[in-house]
């Protein structure tokens, strides 16, 4: 059971400034979840083999740091779910990374008879 994290860009989807967004693709148990990192880069400065920005990019340190933080957070979420011992999917890893409650957690609270404010995620 291995979690694969891959960073890619779509060179054909540039914004008006000529920048492409960096996407992250999680693969776990042959299931994928792809999401945008919110980071934009000039496609000329992206090294797809190394999955990182080239040194010529003006914001290279910022981009590398942000991608590293996302990778660390995803690995931390993966390890947390592994230690928990219950079966989980790639969507659970993504939700843990984003800070969203899983459906199983909300169902458990429902069964226990607790009121849940789903907009603010407060358990009463």
PDB file of N, CA and C in Angstrom:
ATOM      1  N   UNK A   1       0.847  -1.175   0.000  1.00  0.00           N
ATOM      2  CA  UNK A   1       0.000   0.000   0.000  1.00  0.00           C
ATOM      3  C   UNK A   1       0.891   1.236   0.000  1.00  0.00           C
ATOM      4  N   UNK A   2       0.908   1.898  -1.137  1.00  0.00           N
ATOM      5  CA  UNK A   2       1.773   3.045  -1.317  1.00  0.00           C
ATOM      6  C   UNK A   2       0.962   4.215  -1.857  1.00  0.00           C
ATOM      7  N   UNK A   3       1.295   5.391  -1.381  1.00  0.00           N
ATOM      8  CA  UNK A   3       0.675   6.612  -1.872  1.00  0.00           C
ATOM      9  C   UNK A   3       1.631   7.270  -2.857  1.00  0.00           C
ATOM     10  N   UNK A   4       1.166   7.507  -4.076  1.00  0.00           N
ATOM     11  CA  UNK A   4       1.967   8.211  -5.078  1.00  0.00           C
ATOM     12  C   UNK A   4       1.447   9.634  -5.215  1.00  0.00           C
ATOM     13  N   UNK A   5       2.373  10.589  -5.192  1.00  0.00           N
ATOM     14  CA  UNK A   5       2.037  12.001  -5.346  1.00  0.00           C
ATOM     15  C   UNK A   5       2.783  12.519  -6.567  1.00  0.00           C
ATOM     16  N   UNK A   6       2.042  13.047  -7.531  1.00  0.00           N
ATOM     17  CA  UNK A   6       2.625  13.515  -8.783  1.00  0.00           C
ATOM     18  C   UNK A   6       2.146  14.940  -9.054  1.00  0.00           C
ATOM     19  N   UNK A   7       3.088  15.820  -9.396  1.00  0.00           N
ATOM     20  CA  UNK A   7       2.751  17.195  -9.768  1.00  0.00           C
ATOM     21  C   UNK A   7       2.854  17.339 -11.281  1.00  0.00           C
ATOM     22  N   UNK A   8       1.840  17.925 -11.888  1.00  0.00           N
ATOM     23  CA  UNK A   8       1.821  18.120 -13.335  1.00  0.00           C
ATOM     24  C   UNK A   8       1.275  19.507 -13.660  1.00  0.00           C
ATOM     25  N   UNK A   9       1.494  19.921 -14.901  1.00  0.00           N
ATOM     26  CA  UNK A   9       0.842  21.127 -15.410  1.00  0.00           C
ATOM     27  C   UNK A   9       0.180  20.773 -16.729  1.00  0.00           C
ATOM     28  N   UNK A  10      -0.837  21.534 -17.091  1.00  0.00           N
ATOM     29  CA  UNK A  10      -1.480  21.381 -18.391  1.00  0.00           C
ATOM     30  C   UNK A  10      -1.076  22.584 -19.232  1.00  0.00           C
ATOM     31  N   UNK A  11      -0.152  22.380 -20.141  1.00  0.00           N
ATOM     32  CA  UNK A  11       0.395  23.479 -20.947  1.00  0.00           C
ATOM     33  C   UNK A  11      -0.648  24.109 -21.864  1.00  0.00           C
ATOM     34  N   UNK A  12      -1.722  23.404 -22.131  1.00  0.00           N
ATOM     35  CA  UNK A  12      -2.735  23.906 -23.048  1.00  0.00           C
ATOM     36  C   UNK A  12      -3.781  24.772 -22.356  1.00  0.00           C
ATOM     37  N   UNK A  13      -3.730  24.835 -21.041  1.00  0.00           N
ATOM     38  CA  UNK A  13      -4.673  25.673 -20.296  1.00  0.00           C
ATOM     39  C   UNK A  13      -3.901  26.790 -19.607  1.00  0.00           C
ATOM     40  N   UNK A  14      -3.577  27.798 -20.363  1.00  0.00           N
ATOM     41  CA  UNK A  14      -2.868  28.957 -19.822  1.00  0.00           C
ATOM     42  C   UNK A  14      -3.869  30.062 -19.509  1.00  0.00           C
ATOM     43  N   UNK A  15      -3.557  30.867 -18.484  1.00  0.00           N
ATOM     44  CA  UNK A  15      -4.397  32.025 -18.217  1.00  0.00           C
ATOM     45  C   UNK A  15      -3.948  33.191 -19.094  1.00  0.00           C
ATOM     46  N   UNK A  16      -4.531  34.354 -18.898  1.00  0.00           N
ATOM     47  CA  UNK A  16      -4.221  35.504 -19.758  1.00  0.00           C
ATOM     48  C   UNK A  16      -2.777  35.979 -19.604  1.00  0.00           C
ATOM     49  N   UNK A  17      -2.132  35.645 -18.492  1.00  0.00           N
ATOM     50  CA  UNK A  17      -0.735  36.024 -18.264  1.00  0.00           C
ATOM     51  C   UNK A  17       0.244  34.993 -18.819  1.00  0.00           C
ATOM     52  N   UNK A  18      -0.278  33.912 -19.381  1.00  0.00           N
ATOM     53  CA  UNK A  18       0.584  32.873 -19.939  1.00  0.00           C
ATOM     54  C   UNK A  18       1.079  31.882 -18.904  1.00  0.00           C
ATOM     55  N   UNK A  19       0.417  31.828 -17.745  1.00  0.00           N
ATOM     56  CA  UNK A  19       0.821  30.912 -16.678  1.00  0.00           C
ATOM     57  C   UNK A  19      -0.116  29.714 -16.628  1.00  0.00           C
ATOM     58  N   UNK A  20       0.411  28.570 -16.236  1.00  0.00           N
ATOM     59  CA  UNK A  20      -0.371  27.342 -16.075  1.00  0.00           C
ATOM     60  C   UNK A  20      -0.456  27.004 -14.590  1.00  0.00           C
ATOM     61  N   UNK A  21      -1.545  26.365 -14.194  1.00  0.00           N
ATOM     62  CA  UNK A  21      -1.665  25.959 -12.803  1.00  0.00           C
ATOM     63  C   UNK A  21      -1.031  24.582 -12.596  1.00  0.00           C
ATOM     64  N   UNK A  22      -0.499  24.381 -11.412  1.00  0.00           N
ATOM     65  CA  UNK A  22       0.114  23.098 -11.059  1.00  0.00           C
ATOM     66  C   UNK A  22      -0.955  22.246 -10.391  1.00  0.00           C
ATOM     67  N   UNK A  23      -1.130  21.029 -10.885  1.00  0.00           N
ATOM     68  CA  UNK A  23      -2.081  20.106 -10.281  1.00  0.00           C
ATOM     69  C   UNK A  23      -1.327  19.010  -9.542  1.00  0.00           C
ATOM     70  N   UNK A  24      -1.996  18.439  -8.567  1.00  0.00           N
ATOM     71  CA  UNK A  24      -1.443  17.330  -7.794  1.00  0.00           C
ATOM     72  C   UNK A  24      -2.334  16.118  -8.044  1.00  0.00           C
ATOM     73  N   UNK A  25      -1.724  14.985  -8.344  1.00  0.00           N
ATOM     74  CA  UNK A  25      -2.474  13.755  -8.564  1.00  0.00           C
ATOM     75  C   UNK A  25      -2.067  12.739  -7.510  1.00  0.00           C
ATOM     76  N   UNK A  26      -3.032  12.327  -6.705  1.00  0.00           N
ATOM     77  CA  UNK A  26      -2.816  11.284  -5.700  1.00  0.00           C
ATOM     78  C   UNK A  26      -3.252   9.956  -6.283  1.00  0.00           C
ATOM     79  N   UNK A  27      -2.471   8.917  -6.071  1.00  0.00           N
ATOM     80  CA  UNK A  27      -2.854   7.572  -6.489  1.00  0.00           C
ATOM     81  C   UNK A  27      -2.660   6.638  -5.309  1.00  0.00           C
ATOM     82  N   UNK A  28      -3.748   5.934  -4.954  1.00  0.00           N
ATOM     83  CA  UNK A  28      -3.700   4.985  -3.851  1.00  0.00           C
ATOM     84  C   UNK A  28      -4.656   3.844  -4.182  1.00  0.00           C
ATOM     85  N   UNK A  29      -4.166   2.624  -4.121  1.00  0.00           N
ATOM     86  CA  UNK A  29      -4.940   1.424  -4.448  1.00  0.00           C
ATOM     87  C   UNK A  29      -5.579   1.540  -5.840  1.00  0.00           C
ATOM     88  N   UNK A  30      -4.809   2.027  -6.809  1.00  0.00           N
ATOM     89  CA  UNK A  30      -5.213   2.166  -8.207  1.00  0.00           C
ATOM     90  C   UNK A  30      -6.369   3.147  -8.420  1.00  0.00           C
ATOM     91  N   UNK A  31      -6.630   3.998  -7.446  1.00  0.00           N
ATOM     92  CA  UNK A  31      -7.641   5.050  -7.571  1.00  0.00           C
ATOM     93  C   UNK A  31      -6.933   6.392  -7.537  1.00  0.00           C
ATOM     94  N   UNK A  32      -7.445   7.339  -8.323  1.00  0.00           N
ATOM     95  CA  UNK A  32      -6.799   8.645  -8.437  1.00  0.00           C
ATOM     96  C   UNK A  32      -7.712   9.763  -7.953  1.00  0.00           C
ATOM     97  N   UNK A  33      -7.060  10.799  -7.451  1.00  0.00           N
ATOM     98  CA  UNK A  33      -7.743  12.048  -7.114  1.00  0.00           C
ATOM     99  C   UNK A  33      -6.825  13.170  -7.562  1.00  0.00           C
ATOM    100  N   UNK A  34      -7.306  14.008  -8.450  1.00  0.00           N
ATOM    101  CA  UNK A  34      -6.504  15.110  -8.962  1.00  0.00           C
ATOM    102  C   UNK A  34      -7.136  16.419  -8.512  1.00  0.00           C
ATOM    103  N   UNK A  35      -6.293  17.363  -8.072  1.00  0.00           N
ATOM    104  CA  UNK A  35      -6.784  18.660  -7.629  1.00  0.00           C
ATOM    105  C   UNK A  35      -5.740  19.726  -7.922  1.00  0.00           C
ATOM    106  N   UNK A  36      -6.198  20.964  -7.977  1.00  0.00           N
ATOM    107  CA  UNK A  36      -5.309  22.089  -8.243  1.00  0.00           C
ATOM    108  C   UNK A  36      -4.627  22.513  -6.948  1.00  0.00           C
ATOM    109  N   UNK A  37      -3.350  22.868  -7.048  1.00  0.00           N
ATOM    110  CA  UNK A  37      -2.612  23.325  -5.871  1.00  0.00           C
ATOM    111  C   UNK A  37      -2.812  24.812  -5.628  1.00  0.00           C
ATOM    112  N   UNK A  38      -3.323  25.536  -6.615  1.00  0.00           N
ATOM    113  CA  UNK A  38      -3.487  26.976  -6.489  1.00  0.00           C
ATOM    114  C   UNK A  38      -2.222  27.747  -6.821  1.00  0.00           C
ATOM    115  N   UNK A  39      -1.215  27.054  -7.345  1.00  0.00           N
ATOM    116  CA  UNK A  39       0.058  27.677  -7.695  1.00  0.00           C
ATOM    117  C   UNK A  39       0.154  27.756  -9.217  1.00  0.00           C
ATOM    118  N   UNK A  40       0.577  28.915  -9.716  1.00  0.00           N
ATOM    119  CA  UNK A  40       0.728  29.116 -11.154  1.00  0.00           C
ATOM    120  C   UNK A  40       2.202  29.257 -11.505  1.00  0.00           C
ATOM    121  N   UNK A  41       2.557  28.780 -12.704  1.00  0.00           N
ATOM    122  CA  UNK A  41       3.951  28.825 -13.150  1.00  0.00           C
ATOM    123  C   UNK A  41       3.994  29.001 -14.667  1.00  0.00           C
ATOM    124  N   UNK A  42       5.046  29.632 -15.128  1.00  0.00           N
ATOM    125  CA  UNK A  42       5.286  29.735 -16.566  1.00  0.00           C
ATOM    126  C   UNK A  42       5.690  28.340 -17.059  1.00  0.00           C
ATOM    127  N   UNK A  43       5.017  27.802 -18.079  1.00  0.00           N
ATOM    128  CA  UNK A  43       5.326  26.437 -18.530  1.00  0.00           C
ATOM    129  C   UNK A  43       6.762  26.251 -19.012  1.00  0.00           C
ATOM    130  N   UNK A  44       7.431  27.335 -19.394  1.00  0.00           N
ATOM    131  CA  UNK A  44       8.827  27.228 -19.833  1.00  0.00           C
ATOM    132  C   UNK A  44       9.760  26.894 -18.668  1.00  0.00           C
ATOM    133  N   UNK A  45       9.344  27.219 -17.448  1.00  0.00           N
ATOM    134  CA  UNK A  45      10.189  27.012 -16.275  1.00  0.00           C
ATOM    135  C   UNK A  45       9.792  25.780 -15.463  1.00  0.00           C
ATOM    136  N   UNK A  46       8.974  24.900 -16.027  1.00  0.00           N
ATOM    137  CA  UNK A  46       8.543  23.695 -15.313  1.00  0.00           C
ATOM    138  C   UNK A  46       9.287  22.483 -15.857  1.00  0.00           C
ATOM    139  N   UNK A  47       9.929  21.729 -14.957  1.00  0.00           N
ATOM    140  CA  UNK A  47      10.622  20.499 -15.334  1.00  0.00           C
ATOM    141  C   UNK A  47       9.711  19.335 -14.959  1.00  0.00           C
ATOM    142  N   UNK A  48       9.084  18.716 -15.949  1.00  0.00           N
ATOM    143  CA  UNK A  48       8.110  17.663 -15.664  1.00  0.00           C
ATOM    144  C   UNK A  48       8.761  16.379 -15.164  1.00  0.00           C
ATOM    145  N   UNK A  49      10.002  16.123 -15.544  1.00  0.00           N
ATOM    146  CA  UNK A  49      10.678  14.914 -15.066  1.00  0.00           C
ATOM    147  C   UNK A  49      11.006  15.013 -13.585  1.00  0.00           C
ATOM    148  N   UNK A  50      11.455  16.186 -13.156  1.00  0.00           N
ATOM    149  CA  UNK A  50      11.774  16.396 -11.739  1.00  0.00           C
ATOM    150  C   UNK A  50      10.563  16.849 -10.931  1.00  0.00           C
ATOM    151  N   UNK A  51       9.488  17.231 -11.618  1.00  0.00           N
ATOM    152  CA  UNK A  51       8.269  17.734 -10.996  1.00  0.00           C
ATOM    153  C   UNK A  51       8.551  18.940 -10.107  1.00  0.00           C
ATOM    154  N   UNK A  52       9.331  19.857 -10.619  1.00  0.00           N
ATOM    155  CA  UNK A  52       9.630  21.068  -9.865  1.00  0.00           C
ATOM    156  C   UNK A  52       9.967  22.213 -10.814  1.00  0.00           C
ATOM    157  N   UNK A  53      10.046  23.412 -10.245  1.00  0.00           N
ATOM    158  CA  UNK A  53      10.342  24.608 -11.029  1.00  0.00           C
ATOM    159  C   UNK A  53      11.835  24.698 -11.303  1.00  0.00           C
ATOM    160  N   UNK A  54      12.157  25.220 -12.476  1.00  0.00           N
ATOM    161  CA  UNK A  54      13.558  25.436 -12.852  1.00  0.00           C
ATOM    162  C   UNK A  54      14.102  26.654 -12.111  1.00  0.00           C
ATOM    163  N   UNK A  55      15.416  26.717 -11.910  1.00  0.00           N
ATOM    164  CA  UNK A  55      16.016  27.855 -11.193  1.00  0.00           C
ATOM    165  C   UNK A  55      15.804  29.211 -11.865  1.00  0.00           C
ATOM    166  N   UNK A  56      15.467  29.248 -13.148  1.00  0.00           N
ATOM    167  CA  UNK A  56      15.252  30.518 -13.834  1.00  0.00           C
ATOM    168  C   UNK A  56      13.924  31.177 -13.455  1.00  0.00           C
ATOM    169  N   UNK A  57      13.008  30.410 -12.876  1.00  0.00           N
ATOM    170  CA  UNK A  57      11.711  30.947 -12.444  1.00  0.00           C
ATOM    171  C   UNK A  57      11.935  31.953 -11.317  1.00  0.00           C
ATOM    172  N   UNK A  58      11.339  33.157 -11.415  1.00  0.00           N
ATOM    173  CA  UNK A  58      11.546  34.168 -10.365  1.00  0.00           C
ATOM    174  C   UNK A  58      11.065  33.725  -8.980  1.00  0.00           C
ATOM    175  N   UNK A  59       9.983  32.959  -8.913  1.00  0.00           N
ATOM    176  CA  UNK A  59       9.428  32.524  -7.629  1.00  0.00           C
ATOM    177  C   UNK A  59       9.784  31.074  -7.320  1.00  0.00           C
ATOM    178  N   UNK A  60      10.950  30.625  -7.723  1.00  0.00           N
ATOM    179  CA  UNK A  60      11.312  29.209  -7.594  1.00  0.00           C
ATOM    180  C   UNK A  60      11.297  28.753  -6.136  1.00  0.00           C
ATOM    181  N   UNK A  61      11.796  29.557  -5.215  1.00  0.00           N
ATOM    182  CA  UNK A  61      11.827  29.146  -3.807  1.00  0.00           C
ATOM    183  C   UNK A  61      10.425  29.018  -3.233  1.00  0.00           C
ATOM    184  N   UNK A  62       9.556  29.963  -3.558  1.00  0.00           N
ATOM    185  CA  UNK A  62       8.177  29.918  -3.081  1.00  0.00           C
ATOM    186  C   UNK A  62       7.463  28.677  -3.612  1.00  0.00           C
ATOM    187  N   UNK A  63       7.609  28.403  -4.903  1.00  0.00           N
ATOM    188  CA  UNK A  63       6.927  27.262  -5.518  1.00  0.00           C
ATOM    189  C   UNK A  63       7.424  25.948  -4.924  1.00  0.00           C
ATOM    190  N   UNK A  64       8.739  25.803  -4.796  1.00  0.00           N
ATOM    191  CA  UNK A  64       9.291  24.569  -4.225  1.00  0.00           C
ATOM    192  C   UNK A  64       8.833  24.372  -2.785  1.00  0.00           C
ATOM    193  N   UNK A  65       8.804  25.448  -2.017  1.00  0.00           N
ATOM    194  CA  UNK A  65       8.375  25.359  -0.621  1.00  0.00           C
ATOM    195  C   UNK A  65       6.913  24.949  -0.523  1.00  0.00           C
ATOM    196  N   UNK A  66       6.056  25.567  -1.327  1.00  0.00           N
ATOM    197  CA  UNK A  66       4.632  25.249  -1.278  1.00  0.00           C
ATOM    198  C   UNK A  66       4.361  23.807  -1.706  1.00  0.00           C
ATOM    199  N   UNK A  67       5.029  23.344  -2.757  1.00  0.00           N
ATOM    200  CA  UNK A  67       4.838  21.957  -3.201  1.00  0.00           C
ATOM    201  C   UNK A  67       5.347  20.974  -2.153  1.00  0.00           C
ATOM    202  N   UNK A  68       6.433  21.326  -1.490  1.00  0.00           N
ATOM    203  CA  UNK A  68       6.962  20.480  -0.427  1.00  0.00           C
ATOM    204  C   UNK A  68       5.993  20.416   0.753  1.00  0.00           C
ATOM    205  N   UNK A  69       5.393  21.548   1.110  1.00  0.00           N
ATOM    206  CA  UNK A  69       4.421  21.572   2.208  1.00  0.00           C
ATOM    207  C   UNK A  69       3.186  20.737   1.878  1.00  0.00           C
ATOM    208  N   UNK A  70       2.723  20.818   0.636  1.00  0.00           N
ATOM    209  CA  UNK A  70       1.566  20.017   0.224  1.00  0.00           C
ATOM    210  C   UNK A  70       1.908  18.534   0.303  1.00  0.00           C
ATOM    211  N   UNK A  71       3.100  18.158  -0.170  1.00  0.00           N
ATOM    212  CA  UNK A  71       3.526  16.757  -0.128  1.00  0.00           C
ATOM    213  C   UNK A  71       3.618  16.254   1.322  1.00  0.00           C
ATOM    214  N   UNK A  72       4.186  17.068   2.207  1.00  0.00           N
ATOM    215  CA  UNK A  72       4.307  16.682   3.614  1.00  0.00           C
ATOM    216  C   UNK A  72       2.940  16.522   4.259  1.00  0.00           C
ATOM    217  N   UNK A  73       2.023  17.433   3.954  1.00  0.00           N
ATOM    218  CA  UNK A  73       0.687  17.361   4.532  1.00  0.00           C
ATOM    219  C   UNK A  73      -0.060  16.125   4.037  1.00  0.00           C
ATOM    220  N   UNK A  74       0.087  15.795   2.758  1.00  0.00           N
ATOM    221  CA  UNK A  74      -0.560  14.598   2.218  1.00  0.00           C
ATOM    222  C   UNK A  74       0.022  13.330   2.838  1.00  0.00           C
ATOM    223  N   UNK A  75       1.339  13.284   2.993  1.00  0.00           N
ATOM    224  CA  UNK A  75       1.963  12.121   3.631  1.00  0.00           C
ATOM    225  C   UNK A  75       1.542  11.998   5.089  1.00  0.00           C
ATOM    226  N   UNK A  76       1.407  13.128   5.775  1.00  0.00           N
ATOM    227  CA  UNK A  76       0.967  13.108   7.170  1.00  0.00           C
ATOM    228  C   UNK A  76      -0.470  12.591   7.269  1.00  0.00           C
ATOM    229  N   UNK A  77      -1.345  13.035   6.368  1.00  0.00           N
ATOM    230  CA  UNK A  77      -2.724  12.555   6.352  1.00  0.00           C
ATOM    231  C   UNK A  77      -2.767  11.057   6.062  1.00  0.00           C
ATOM    232  N   UNK A  78      -1.933  10.608   5.134  1.00  0.00           N
ATOM    233  CA  UNK A  78      -1.863   9.185   4.790  1.00  0.00           C
ATOM    234  C   UNK A  78      -1.415   8.352   5.992  1.00  0.00           C
ATOM    235  N   UNK A  79      -0.367   8.801   6.674  1.00  0.00           N
ATOM    236  CA  UNK A  79       0.124   8.071   7.843  1.00  0.00           C
ATOM    237  C   UNK A  79      -0.899   8.060   8.969  1.00  0.00           C
ATOM    238  N   UNK A  80      -1.592   9.175   9.168  1.00  0.00           N
ATOM    239  CA  UNK A  80      -2.626   9.240  10.200  1.00  0.00           C
ATOM    240  C   UNK A  80      -3.720   8.217   9.930  1.00  0.00           C
ATOM    241  N   UNK A  81      -4.158   8.129   8.681  1.00  0.00           N
ATOM    242  CA  UNK A  81      -5.214   7.179   8.332  1.00  0.00           C
ATOM    243  C   UNK A  81      -4.720   5.739   8.425  1.00  0.00           C
ATOM    244  N   UNK A  82      -3.443   5.503   8.135  1.00  0.00           N
ATOM    245  CA  UNK A  82      -2.886   4.158   8.277  1.00  0.00           C
ATOM    246  C   UNK A  82      -2.855   3.737   9.738  1.00  0.00           C
ATOM    247  N   UNK A  83      -2.429   4.635  10.610  1.00  0.00           N
ATOM    248  CA  UNK A  83      -2.326   4.325  12.036  1.00  0.00           C
ATOM    249  C   UNK A  83      -3.707   4.091  12.632  1.00  0.00           C
ATOM    250  N   UNK A  84      -4.699   4.795  12.116  1.00  0.00           N
ATOM    251  CA  UNK A  84      -6.064   4.659  12.617  1.00  0.00           C
ATOM    252  C   UNK A  84      -6.570   3.221  12.488  1.00  0.00           C
ATOM    253  N   UNK A  85      -6.139   2.532  11.431  1.00  0.00           N
ATOM    254  CA  UNK A  85      -6.457   1.115  11.293  1.00  0.00           C
ATOM    255  C   UNK A  85      -7.729   0.795  10.542  1.00  0.00           C
ATOM    256  N   UNK A  86      -8.517   1.768  10.183  1.00  0.00           N
ATOM    257  CA  UNK A  86      -9.736   1.506   9.424  1.00  0.00           C
ATOM    258  C   UNK A  86      -9.449   1.651   7.931  1.00  0.00           C
ATOM    259  N   UNK A  87     -10.196   0.959   7.082  1.00  0.00           N
ATOM    260  CA  UNK A  87      -9.977   1.092   5.638  1.00  0.00           C
ATOM    261  C   UNK A  87     -10.288   2.520   5.173  1.00  0.00           C
ATOM    262  N   UNK A  88      -9.522   2.997   4.208  1.00  0.00           N
ATOM    263  CA  UNK A  88      -9.734   4.347   3.693  1.00  0.00           C
ATOM    264  C   UNK A  88      -9.417   4.382   2.206  1.00  0.00           C
ATOM    265  N   UNK A  89      -9.871   5.446   1.559  1.00  0.00           N
ATOM    266  CA  UNK A  89      -9.677   5.616   0.122  1.00  0.00           C
ATOM    267  C   UNK A  89      -8.826   6.853  -0.143  1.00  0.00           C
ATOM    268  N   UNK A  90      -8.524   7.066  -1.406  1.00  0.00           N
ATOM    269  CA  UNK A  90      -7.749   8.242  -1.795  1.00  0.00           C
ATOM    270  C   UNK A  90      -8.547   9.518  -1.507  1.00  0.00           C
ATOM    271  N   UNK A  91      -9.868   9.441  -1.576  1.00  0.00           N
ATOM    272  CA  UNK A  91     -10.701  10.599  -1.260  1.00  0.00           C
ATOM    273  C   UNK A  91     -10.604  10.961   0.223  1.00  0.00           C
ATOM    274  N   UNK A  92     -10.476   9.955   1.086  1.00  0.00           N
ATOM    275  CA  UNK A  92     -10.294  10.220   2.515  1.00  0.00           C
ATOM    276  C   UNK A  92      -8.970  10.935   2.779  1.00  0.00           C
ATOM    277  N   UNK A  93      -7.929  10.552   2.045  1.00  0.00           N
ATOM    278  CA  UNK A  93      -6.626  11.220   2.190  1.00  0.00           C
ATOM    279  C   UNK A  93      -6.756  12.682   1.778  1.00  0.00           C
ATOM    280  N   UNK A  94      -7.434  12.923   0.668  1.00  0.00           N
ATOM    281  CA  UNK A  94      -7.624  14.292   0.187  1.00  0.00           C
ATOM    282  C   UNK A  94      -8.431  15.119   1.192  1.00  0.00           C
ATOM    283  N   UNK A  95      -9.509  14.538   1.709  1.00  0.00           N
ATOM    284  CA  UNK A  95     -10.342  15.268   2.674  1.00  0.00           C
ATOM    285  C   UNK A  95      -9.579  15.571   3.955  1.00  0.00           C
ATOM    286  N   UNK A  96      -8.752  14.643   4.392  1.00  0.00           N
ATOM    287  CA  UNK A  96      -7.934  14.880   5.587  1.00  0.00           C
ATOM    288  C   UNK A  96      -6.943  16.009   5.316  1.00  0.00           C
ATOM    289  N   UNK A  97      -6.372  16.040   4.133  1.00  0.00           N
ATOM    290  CA  UNK A  97      -5.448  17.108   3.738  1.00  0.00           C
ATOM    291  C   UNK A  97      -6.158  18.462   3.731  1.00  0.00           C
ATOM    292  N   UNK A  98      -7.397  18.491   3.229  1.00  0.00           N
ATOM    293  CA  UNK A  98      -8.155  19.733   3.144  1.00  0.00           C
ATOM    294  C   UNK A  98      -8.792  20.124   4.477  1.00  0.00           C
ATOM    295  N   UNK A  99      -8.827  19.207   5.426  1.00  0.00           N
ATOM    296  CA  UNK A  99      -9.417  19.515   6.727  1.00  0.00           C
ATOM    297  C   UNK A  99     -10.911  19.280   6.787  1.00  0.00           C
ATOM    298  N   UNK A 100     -11.449  18.545   5.839  1.00  0.00           N
ATOM    299  CA  UNK A 100     -12.876  18.236   5.829  1.00  0.00           C
ATOM    300  C   UNK A 100     -13.129  16.963   6.622  1.00  0.00           C
ATOM    301  N   UNK A 101     -14.294  16.883   7.227  1.00  0.00           N
ATOM    302  CA  UNK A 101     -14.661  15.688   7.981  1.00  0.00           C
ATOM    303  C   UNK A 101     -15.134  14.608   7.010  1.00  0.00           C
ATOM    304  N   UNK A 102     -14.782  13.373   7.300  1.00  0.00           N
ATOM    305  CA  UNK A 102     -15.214  12.275   6.435  1.00  0.00           C
ATOM    306  C   UNK A 102     -16.667  11.921   6.729  1.00  0.00           C
ATOM    307  N   UNK A 103     -17.302  11.257   5.792  1.00  0.00           N
ATOM    308  CA  UNK A 103     -18.696  10.860   5.948  1.00  0.00           C
ATOM    309  C   UNK A 103     -18.848   9.874   7.101  1.00  0.00           C
ATOM    310  N   UNK A 104     -17.862   8.999   7.283  1.00  0.00           N
ATOM    311  CA  UNK A 104     -17.918   8.032   8.376  1.00  0.00           C
ATOM    312  C   UNK A 104     -17.898   8.735   9.728  1.00  0.00           C
ATOM    313  N   UNK A 105     -17.074   9.777   9.858  1.00  0.00           N
ATOM    314  CA  UNK A 105     -17.006  10.532  11.109  1.00  0.00           C
ATOM    315  C   UNK A 105     -18.339  11.216  11.397  1.00  0.00           C
ATOM    316  N   UNK A 106     -18.943  11.840  10.382  1.00  0.00           N
ATOM    317  CA  UNK A 106     -20.229  12.505  10.571  1.00  0.00           C
ATOM    318  C   UNK A 106     -21.324  11.497  10.902  1.00  0.00           C
ATOM    319  N   UNK A 107     -21.281  10.328  10.276  1.00  0.00           N
ATOM    320  CA  UNK A 107     -22.266   9.294  10.566  1.00  0.00           C
ATOM    321  C   UNK A 107     -22.130   8.800  12.001  1.00  0.00           C
ATOM    322  N   UNK A 108     -20.885   8.642  12.456  1.00  0.00           N
ATOM    323  CA  UNK A 108     -20.646   8.215  13.837  1.00  0.00           C
ATOM    324  C   UNK A 108     -21.223   9.229  14.813  1.00  0.00           C
ATOM    325  N   UNK A 109     -21.044  10.501  14.544  1.00  0.00           N
ATOM    326  CA  UNK A 109     -21.618  11.532  15.409  1.00  0.00           C
ATOM    327  C   UNK A 109     -23.140  11.491  15.374  1.00  0.00           C
ATOM    328  N   UNK A 110     -23.703  11.223  14.199  1.00  0.00           N
ATOM    329  CA  UNK A 110     -25.150  11.128  14.057  1.00  0.00           C
ATOM    330  C   UNK A 110     -25.696   9.969  14.882  1.00  0.00           C
ATOM    331  N   UNK A 111     -25.028   8.835  14.814  1.00  0.00           N
ATOM    332  CA  UNK A 111     -25.461   7.656  15.563  1.00  0.00           C
ATOM    333  C   UNK A 111     -25.372   7.919  17.064  1.00  0.00           C
ATOM    334  N   UNK A 112     -24.353   8.657  17.475  1.00  0.00           N
ATOM    335  CA  UNK A 112     -24.198   8.976  18.892  1.00  0.00           C
ATOM    336  C   UNK A 112     -25.216  10.009  19.366  1.00  0.00           C
ATOM    337  N   UNK A 113     -26.009  10.561  18.458  1.00  0.00           N
ATOM    338  CA  UNK A 113     -27.064  11.492  18.837  1.00  0.00           C
ATOM    339  C   UNK A 113     -26.602  12.920  19.034  1.00  0.00           C
ATOM    340  N   UNK A 114     -25.482  13.289  18.458  1.00  0.00           N
ATOM    341  CA  UNK A 114     -24.978  14.652  18.611  1.00  0.00           C
ATOM    342  C   UNK A 114     -25.450  15.500  17.438  1.00  0.00           C
ATOM    343  N   UNK A 115     -25.740  16.760  17.730  1.00  0.00           N
ATOM    344  CA  UNK A 115     -26.140  17.689  16.676  1.00  0.00           C
ATOM    345  C   UNK A 115     -24.899  18.221  15.979  1.00  0.00           C
ATOM    346  N   UNK A 116     -24.986  18.333  14.655  1.00  0.00           N
ATOM    347  CA  UNK A 116     -23.839  18.776  13.872  1.00  0.00           C
ATOM    348  C   UNK A 116     -24.245  19.982  13.031  1.00  0.00           C
ATOM    349  N   UNK A 117     -23.486  21.052  13.148  1.00  0.00           N
ATOM    350  CA  UNK A 117     -23.655  22.203  12.269  1.00  0.00           C
ATOM    351  C   UNK A 117     -22.696  21.994  11.102  1.00  0.00           C
ATOM    352  N   UNK A 118     -23.215  21.518   9.963  1.00  0.00           N
ATOM    353  CA  UNK A 118     -22.342  21.135   8.852  1.00  0.00           C
ATOM    354  C   UNK A 118     -21.691  22.322   8.162  1.00  0.00           C
ATOM    355  N   UNK A 119     -22.283  23.500   8.259  1.00  0.00           N
ATOM    356  CA  UNK A 119     -21.668  24.672   7.625  1.00  0.00           C
ATOM    357  C   UNK A 119     -20.421  25.109   8.380  1.00  0.00           C
ATOM    358  N   UNK A 120     -20.475  25.059   9.701  1.00  0.00           N
ATOM    359  CA  UNK A 120     -19.324  25.487  10.495  1.00  0.00           C
ATOM    360  C   UNK A 120     -18.553  24.301  11.063  1.00  0.00           C
ATOM    361  N   UNK A 121     -19.032  23.072  10.828  1.00  0.00           N
ATOM    362  CA  UNK A 121     -18.400  21.838  11.317  1.00  0.00           C
ATOM    363  C   UNK A 121     -18.212  21.877  12.840  1.00  0.00           C
ATOM    364  N   UNK A 122     -19.284  22.269  13.534  1.00  0.00           N
ATOM    365  CA  UNK A 122     -19.258  22.315  14.993  1.00  0.00           C
ATOM    366  C   UNK A 122     -20.170  21.218  15.513  1.00  0.00           C
ATOM    367  N   UNK A 123     -19.660  20.450  16.467  1.00  0.00           N
ATOM    368  CA  UNK A 123     -20.435  19.382  17.091  1.00  0.00           C
ATOM    369  C   UNK A 123     -20.982  19.915  18.402  1.00  0.00           C
ATOM    370  N   UNK A 124     -22.301  19.807  18.570  1.00  0.00           N
ATOM    371  CA  UNK A 124     -22.929  20.287  19.809  1.00  0.00           C
ATOM    372  C   UNK A 124     -23.388  19.115  20.647  1.00  0.00           C
TER     373      UNK A 124
END
